[in-house]
Amino acid sequence: MNSIPSAEDQLDFLTKVQRLFNESDFSSTYKYALLISLADLAIELGKDDDSELELSNRQIAERFIELYWQQSSPYKTSKANDSGVLYQNHGTQAAIIKAIQAFRDENSFNSPNAARHSKEYKKLITAVASTVAKQPINYLQNVGGGALPFLYERNTSSITLKKGVAYCLRRFQPLIQQLARSRWTNYIKKNAKNIPILGEKDDLNSFLFETSRKTLALVCKKLKVLYGCKCFYCNKATAELEVDHFIPFSLYPRDLMHNFVLACPSCNRSKSDSLAARVHLDRWVKAVMKNNDATTQIGEAVGVVANLETSLSIAQWSYDAASGGQVTGWVKAGEYHHLAG
């Protein structure tokens, strides 16, 4: 007889989901789409007990097509991207977007639902299922530089959600949806290839709560003068530096001048929303204490709050909280160290 996961098991599930969002390498939006798909399918096909649930790759692929159908259409035209279709990764356009575009160009269906009985649509599902199996299903449970296989087991043409997972996905579906959609939107916004399409004034939330791109560009310019044109994390010299929140904005959503560091695009994407390892923390503390006056002056010049004591307190709070669990700190791409102790 099946039961339901205990309160401790449910809390453990949420902790691991949080780690997945914060410590995984999101090189495209596919992982967000997979999490949304699993949560939706658990609602429709799962039960309110701790039983396992098998989902075929084709079932998941159909959800991907529904999620990306609208996003395969132009957001708006731009000189930088004639198609006006938003990029879903940092390389060439995502394979699933291309597959859906090709299908739509060759057929007159206006929705996946209208196309579902056609032979060509079944071929599209096969192609998308192959991509889903090779990429997000294969890599979603890689967390913090290692494997954290808490969601599912992989089969030849399907996955099996582990005991209690479907129940937790059903119970926490609104939270998972909100997190995945929010991170997905943020990924699209931060992809440099999408800036010409989105424009400067694309999002009210950014206007209300985030430092403008113009201000961040000025911060970047002044930090280059202060620290030189080197990535804070890998120490490589490059002209293509970006402003990174040392304590992730997702953890503490407030812009503080001392919390800004320069990062190369590769390190910035890889670190993402992870806390940096303690080796980086020690260097950051020394740097902001040594350059407190200069950093404060930059903050005053560009209009960003600069308070060393506040920034150090936030960092201590962040790392103290992480030390009590299984959280790992980002060292470099693919390498994480435990923050406990």
Protein backbone atom coordinates (compact mmCIF):
# COMPACT_ATOMS: atom_id res chain seq x y z
CA MET A 1 0.00 0.00 0.00
CA ASN A 2 1.36 3.39 -1.02
CA SER A 3 1.68 6.24 1.47
CA ILE A 4 2.65 9.89 1.08
CA PRO A 5 6.13 11.36 1.53
CA SER A 6 6.89 12.54 5.04
CA ALA A 7 7.30 16.21 5.88
CA GLU A 8 11.06 15.63 6.08
CA ASP A 9 11.06 14.01 2.63
CA GLN A 10 9.10 16.91 1.17
CA LEU A 11 11.50 19.44 2.69
CA ASP A 12 14.43 17.44 1.32
CA PHE A 13 12.81 17.52 -2.11
CA LEU A 14 12.44 21.31 -2.01
CA THR A 15 16.04 21.71 -0.85
CA LYS A 16 17.26 19.66 -3.80
CA VAL A 17 15.06 21.60 -6.22
CA GLN A 18 16.59 24.81 -4.86
CA ARG A 19 20.06 23.39 -5.42
CA LEU A 20 19.10 22.45 -8.96
CA PHE A 21 18.02 26.02 -9.75
CA ASN A 22 21.05 27.60 -8.07
CA GLU A 23 23.88 25.20 -8.91
CA SER A 24 23.05 23.70 -12.31
CA ASP A 25 24.65 24.95 -15.52
CA PHE A 26 21.79 26.37 -17.58
CA SER A 27 23.33 26.70 -21.04
CA SER A 28 19.86 26.92 -22.60
CA THR A 29 16.23 27.14 -21.50
CA TYR A 30 15.64 23.39 -22.00
CA LYS A 31 16.02 22.50 -18.30
CA TYR A 32 13.37 25.03 -17.33
CA ALA A 33 11.06 23.56 -19.95
CA LEU A 34 11.71 20.05 -18.61
CA LEU A 35 10.89 21.03 -15.03
CA ILE A 36 7.66 22.71 -16.15
CA SER A 37 6.77 19.66 -18.26
CA LEU A 38 7.40 17.22 -15.42
CA ALA A 39 5.31 19.28 -13.00
CA ASP A 40 2.45 19.51 -15.50
CA LEU A 41 2.54 15.80 -16.32
CA ALA A 42 2.63 14.91 -12.63
CA ILE A 43 -0.54 16.94 -12.14
CA GLU A 44 -2.30 15.18 -15.01
CA LEU A 45 -0.97 11.64 -14.68
CA GLY A 46 0.29 11.26 -11.11
CA LYS A 47 -1.42 10.29 -7.88
CA ASP A 48 -1.49 11.75 -4.40
CA ASP A 49 0.80 9.08 -2.98
CA ASP A 50 4.46 8.19 -3.19
CA SER A 51 4.12 5.88 -6.22
CA GLU A 52 6.54 6.07 -9.12
CA LEU A 53 5.40 7.51 -12.45
CA GLU A 54 6.72 6.54 -15.88
CA LEU A 55 6.70 9.25 -18.54
CA SER A 56 7.67 8.58 -22.14
CA ASN A 57 10.09 10.85 -23.95
CA ARG A 58 7.34 11.50 -26.49
CA GLN A 59 4.96 12.72 -23.79
CA ILE A 60 7.61 15.12 -22.59
CA ALA A 61 8.41 16.16 -26.18
CA GLU A 62 4.79 17.11 -26.77
CA ARG A 63 4.97 19.43 -23.78
CA PHE A 64 8.16 20.98 -25.15
CA ILE A 65 6.46 21.66 -28.46
CA GLU A 66 3.57 23.37 -26.67
CA LEU A 67 5.96 25.46 -24.58
CA TYR A 68 8.15 26.52 -27.51
CA TRP A 69 5.44 26.86 -30.16
CA GLN A 70 4.74 30.52 -29.43
CA GLN A 71 8.43 31.22 -28.75
CA SER A 72 9.33 29.97 -32.23
CA SER A 73 7.42 32.99 -33.59
CA PRO A 74 9.07 36.40 -33.95
CA TYR A 75 9.04 38.61 -30.87
CA LYS A 76 9.63 41.53 -33.18
CA THR A 77 11.92 42.20 -36.09
CA SER A 78 15.35 43.72 -35.57
CA LYS A 79 18.39 44.56 -37.64
CA ALA A 80 20.53 42.22 -35.53
CA ASN A 81 18.17 39.27 -36.04
CA ASP A 82 15.94 39.40 -39.13
CA SER A 83 13.76 36.58 -37.87
CA GLY A 84 13.04 38.37 -34.60
CA VAL A 85 12.92 35.01 -32.80
CA LEU A 86 14.40 35.10 -29.30
CA TYR A 87 17.47 32.96 -28.69
CA GLN A 88 17.02 30.11 -26.20
CA ASN A 89 20.74 29.44 -25.76
CA HIS A 90 24.10 31.18 -26.09
CA GLY A 91 25.15 29.50 -29.34
CA THR A 92 23.20 29.08 -32.55
CA GLN A 93 19.43 28.92 -32.21
CA ALA A 94 18.12 25.98 -30.18
CA ALA A 95 17.46 22.79 -32.16
CA ILE A 96 13.89 22.48 -30.90
CA ILE A 97 13.08 26.03 -32.02
CA LYS A 98 14.51 25.24 -35.46
CA ALA A 99 12.52 22.02 -35.70
CA ILE A 100 9.26 23.75 -34.78
CA GLN A 101 9.97 26.61 -37.19
CA ALA A 102 10.63 24.17 -40.03
CA PHE A 103 7.41 22.32 -39.27
CA ARG A 104 5.38 25.53 -39.18
CA ASP A 105 6.94 26.79 -42.42
CA GLU A 106 5.97 23.58 -44.22
CA ASN A 107 2.50 23.20 -42.69
CA SER A 108 -0.47 25.46 -42.10
CA PHE A 109 -1.42 24.39 -38.58
CA ASN A 110 -1.85 27.27 -36.13
CA SER A 111 -1.29 25.23 -32.97
CA PRO A 112 0.09 21.89 -31.75
CA ASN A 113 -3.45 20.80 -30.96
CA ALA A 114 -4.53 21.36 -34.57
CA ALA A 115 -1.51 19.46 -35.84
CA ARG A 116 -1.59 16.50 -33.46
CA HIS A 117 -3.13 13.98 -35.90
CA SER A 118 -0.83 14.70 -38.83
CA LYS A 119 2.04 12.40 -39.84
CA GLU A 120 4.45 15.32 -40.04
CA TYR A 121 3.61 16.33 -36.48
CA LYS A 122 4.42 12.82 -35.27
CA LYS A 123 7.80 13.17 -36.99
CA LEU A 124 8.30 16.47 -35.17
CA ILE A 125 7.56 14.76 -31.85
CA THR A 126 10.14 12.09 -32.68
CA ALA A 127 12.79 14.72 -33.46
CA VAL A 128 12.06 16.76 -30.33
CA ALA A 129 11.98 13.61 -28.16
CA SER A 130 15.47 12.73 -29.40
CA THR A 131 16.80 16.19 -28.48
CA VAL A 132 15.07 16.14 -25.09
CA ALA A 133 16.56 12.73 -24.26
CA LYS A 134 20.08 13.72 -25.28
CA GLN A 135 20.13 17.09 -23.56
CA PRO A 136 17.87 18.16 -20.66
CA ILE A 137 16.90 14.65 -19.53
CA ASN A 138 20.54 13.64 -19.64
CA TYR A 139 21.87 16.71 -17.82
CA LEU A 140 19.12 18.12 -15.58
CA GLN A 141 20.26 16.14 -12.53
CA ASN A 142 23.89 17.30 -12.83
CA VAL A 143 24.18 19.67 -9.88
CA GLY A 144 27.18 21.35 -8.31
CA GLY A 145 29.69 19.56 -10.52
CA GLY A 146 28.27 16.11 -9.67
CA ALA A 147 25.16 13.97 -9.99
CA LEU A 148 22.06 14.47 -7.85
CA PRO A 149 19.64 11.86 -9.27
CA PHE A 150 16.65 12.64 -7.06
CA LEU A 151 13.98 13.18 -9.71
CA TYR A 152 13.99 10.22 -12.09
CA GLU A 153 15.67 7.16 -13.54
CA ARG A 154 16.38 7.13 -17.27
CA ASN A 155 15.06 4.29 -19.43
CA THR A 156 15.49 3.58 -23.16
CA SER A 157 12.61 5.78 -24.32
CA SER A 158 11.17 7.09 -21.06
CA ILE A 159 11.95 8.21 -17.53
CA THR A 160 10.53 6.97 -14.24
CA LEU A 161 9.88 9.56 -11.57
CA LYS A 162 11.16 8.16 -8.28
CA LYS A 163 9.00 7.36 -5.26
CA GLY A 164 7.45 10.51 -3.88
CA VAL A 165 8.61 12.77 -6.73
CA ALA A 166 5.28 12.91 -8.58
CA TYR A 167 3.54 13.69 -5.28
CA CYS A 168 5.97 16.54 -4.53
CA LEU A 169 5.72 17.87 -8.09
CA ARG A 170 1.95 17.91 -7.73
CA ARG A 171 2.04 19.60 -4.34
CA PHE A 172 4.68 22.18 -5.20
CA GLN A 173 3.77 22.66 -8.85
CA PRO A 174 2.90 26.39 -8.49
CA LEU A 175 6.25 27.10 -6.84
CA ILE A 176 8.22 25.10 -9.41
CA GLN A 177 6.33 26.73 -12.27
CA GLN A 178 6.96 30.20 -10.86
CA LEU A 179 10.65 29.54 -10.34
CA ALA A 180 11.16 27.94 -13.74
CA ARG A 181 9.23 30.59 -15.65
CA SER A 182 10.95 33.41 -13.76
CA ARG A 183 14.41 31.96 -14.39
CA TRP A 184 13.48 31.25 -18.02
CA THR A 185 12.41 34.87 -18.53
CA ASN A 186 15.57 36.09 -16.83
CA TYR A 187 17.70 33.84 -19.05
CA ILE A 188 16.09 35.29 -22.16
CA LYS A 189 16.58 38.84 -20.89
CA LYS A 190 20.24 38.32 -20.02
CA ASN A 191 21.16 36.62 -23.29
CA ALA A 192 23.18 39.28 -25.10
CA LYS A 193 21.85 38.09 -28.47
CA ASN A 194 18.32 39.03 -27.39
CA ILE A 195 19.06 42.62 -26.36
CA PRO A 196 18.58 44.04 -29.88
CA ILE A 197 15.23 42.23 -30.08
CA LEU A 198 13.97 43.10 -26.62
CA GLY A 199 15.21 46.67 -26.63
CA GLU A 200 16.14 48.74 -23.62
CA LYS A 201 12.64 49.10 -22.16
CA ASP A 202 11.36 45.57 -22.41
CA ASP A 203 10.31 44.83 -18.86
CA LEU A 204 8.61 46.78 -16.11
CA ASN A 205 10.12 44.59 -13.40
CA SER A 206 13.60 45.60 -14.54
CA PHE A 207 12.59 49.26 -14.51
CA LEU A 208 11.20 48.99 -10.98
CA PHE A 209 13.77 46.84 -9.27
CA GLU A 210 16.97 46.39 -11.29
CA THR A 211 19.87 48.65 -12.16
CA SER A 212 19.64 49.82 -15.76
CA ARG A 213 21.95 48.43 -18.43
CA LYS A 214 23.27 51.96 -18.97
CA THR A 215 24.28 52.26 -15.31
CA LEU A 216 25.80 48.76 -15.28
CA ALA A 217 27.86 49.68 -18.34
CA LEU A 218 29.21 52.69 -16.45
CA VAL A 219 29.91 50.52 -13.39
CA CYS A 220 31.80 48.09 -15.61
CA LYS A 221 33.88 50.88 -17.12
CA LYS A 222 34.86 52.28 -13.71
CA LEU A 223 35.61 48.85 -12.21
CA LYS A 224 37.96 48.20 -15.12
CA VAL A 225 39.89 51.32 -14.14
CA LEU A 226 40.00 50.20 -10.51
CA TYR A 227 40.82 46.50 -10.98
CA GLY A 228 42.05 46.24 -14.55
CA CYS A 229 40.47 44.31 -17.41
CA LYS A 230 40.59 40.91 -15.71
CA CYS A 231 37.88 38.48 -14.68
CA PHE A 232 37.60 38.38 -10.89
CA TYR A 233 37.08 34.60 -10.92
CA CYS A 234 39.52 33.18 -13.50
CA ASN A 235 41.90 36.19 -13.60
CA LYS A 236 42.03 36.10 -17.39
CA ALA A 237 42.45 39.38 -19.22
CA THR A 238 39.61 40.18 -21.62
CA ALA A 239 37.87 43.24 -22.96
CA GLU A 240 34.50 41.45 -22.83
CA LEU A 241 33.85 41.81 -19.12
CA GLU A 242 30.41 41.85 -17.49
CA VAL A 243 29.18 43.02 -14.10
CA ASP A 244 28.33 40.11 -11.79
CA HIS A 245 26.64 40.07 -8.39
CA PHE A 246 29.12 38.33 -6.09
CA ILE A 247 26.25 37.41 -3.74
CA PRO A 248 23.66 36.30 -6.33
CA PHE A 249 20.83 38.70 -7.00
CA SER A 250 18.43 35.75 -6.72
CA LEU A 251 19.56 35.26 -3.13
CA TYR A 252 19.59 38.91 -2.12
CA PRO A 253 17.80 41.05 -4.74
CA ARG A 254 19.37 44.40 -4.08
CA ASP A 255 22.15 46.15 -5.97
CA LEU A 256 25.08 47.24 -3.80
CA MET A 257 28.27 48.68 -5.25
CA HIS A 258 30.63 46.52 -3.19
CA ASN A 259 28.80 43.40 -4.39
CA PHE A 260 29.66 44.06 -8.02
CA VAL A 261 32.66 42.28 -9.54
CA LEU A 262 33.91 41.96 -13.10
CA ALA A 263 33.47 38.57 -14.75
CA CYS A 264 34.14 37.17 -18.19
CA PRO A 265 30.99 35.93 -19.99
CA SER A 266 31.98 32.28 -19.49
CA CYS A 267 32.45 32.55 -15.71
CA ASN A 268 29.38 34.75 -15.35
CA ARG A 269 27.13 32.21 -17.10
CA SER A 270 28.67 29.24 -15.31
CA LYS A 271 28.44 30.77 -11.84
CA SER A 272 24.91 31.94 -12.56
CA ASP A 273 22.93 31.98 -9.29
CA SER A 274 25.43 29.94 -7.26
CA LEU A 275 27.33 31.20 -4.26
CA ALA A 276 31.03 31.40 -5.04
CA ALA A 277 33.39 29.00 -3.26
CA ARG A 278 35.18 30.24 -0.14
CA VAL A 279 38.41 30.77 -2.06
CA HIS A 280 36.57 33.48 -4.02
CA LEU A 281 34.87 34.79 -0.89
CA ASP A 282 38.23 35.36 0.84
CA ARG A 283 39.55 37.24 -2.20
CA TRP A 284 36.39 39.32 -2.47
CA VAL A 285 36.51 40.36 1.21
CA LYS A 286 40.14 41.44 0.90
CA ALA A 287 39.45 43.32 -2.33
CA VAL A 288 36.44 45.32 -1.11
CA MET A 289 38.13 46.18 2.19
CA LYS A 290 41.28 47.35 0.43
CA ASN A 291 39.36 49.38 -2.16
CA ASN A 292 36.52 50.58 0.03
CA ASP A 293 37.04 54.28 -0.56
CA ALA A 294 37.42 53.95 -4.33
CA THR A 295 34.39 51.64 -4.54
CA THR A 296 32.31 54.05 -2.50
CA GLN A 297 33.29 56.89 -4.82
CA ILE A 298 32.22 54.84 -7.85
CA GLY A 299 28.86 54.16 -6.20
CA GLU A 300 28.34 57.84 -5.53
CA ALA A 301 29.26 58.70 -9.13
CA VAL A 302 26.90 56.20 -10.79
CA GLY A 303 24.09 56.32 -8.24
CA VAL A 304 24.43 52.84 -6.71
CA VAL A 305 24.30 52.36 -2.94
CA ALA A 306 27.77 51.67 -1.53
CA ASN A 307 28.09 50.42 2.04
CA LEU A 308 30.93 48.06 2.94
CA GLU A 309 29.51 47.02 6.31
CA THR A 310 26.14 46.12 4.78
CA SER A 311 27.74 44.13 1.97
CA LEU A 312 29.93 42.17 4.38
CA SER A 313 26.92 41.45 6.63
CA ILE A 314 24.92 40.13 3.68
CA ALA A 315 27.82 37.92 2.64
CA GLN A 316 28.15 36.51 6.15
CA TRP A 317 24.41 35.80 6.29
CA SER A 318 24.51 34.06 2.92
CA TYR A 319 27.46 31.80 3.75
CA ASP A 320 26.28 31.04 7.30
CA ALA A 321 22.95 29.83 5.87
CA ALA A 322 24.71 27.74 3.24
CA SER A 323 27.07 26.17 5.79
CA GLY A 324 24.18 24.48 7.56
CA GLY A 325 23.19 22.34 4.57
CA GLN A 326 24.60 20.52 1.58
CA VAL A 327 25.12 23.65 -0.50
CA THR A 328 28.19 23.76 -2.70
CA GLY A 329 30.13 26.82 -3.80
CA TRP A 330 31.10 27.51 -7.40
CA VAL A 331 34.84 27.36 -8.14
CA LYS A 332 34.81 27.26 -11.95
CA ALA A 333 32.80 25.62 -14.69
CA GLY A 334 32.03 22.07 -13.60
CA GLU A 335 33.74 22.39 -10.20
CA TYR A 336 32.01 23.04 -6.87
CA HIS A 337 33.21 22.74 -3.26
CA HIS A 338 31.02 22.17 -0.19
CA LEU A 339 30.49 25.31 1.86
CA ALA A 340 29.93 23.55 5.19
CA GLY A 341 32.41 24.39 7.92
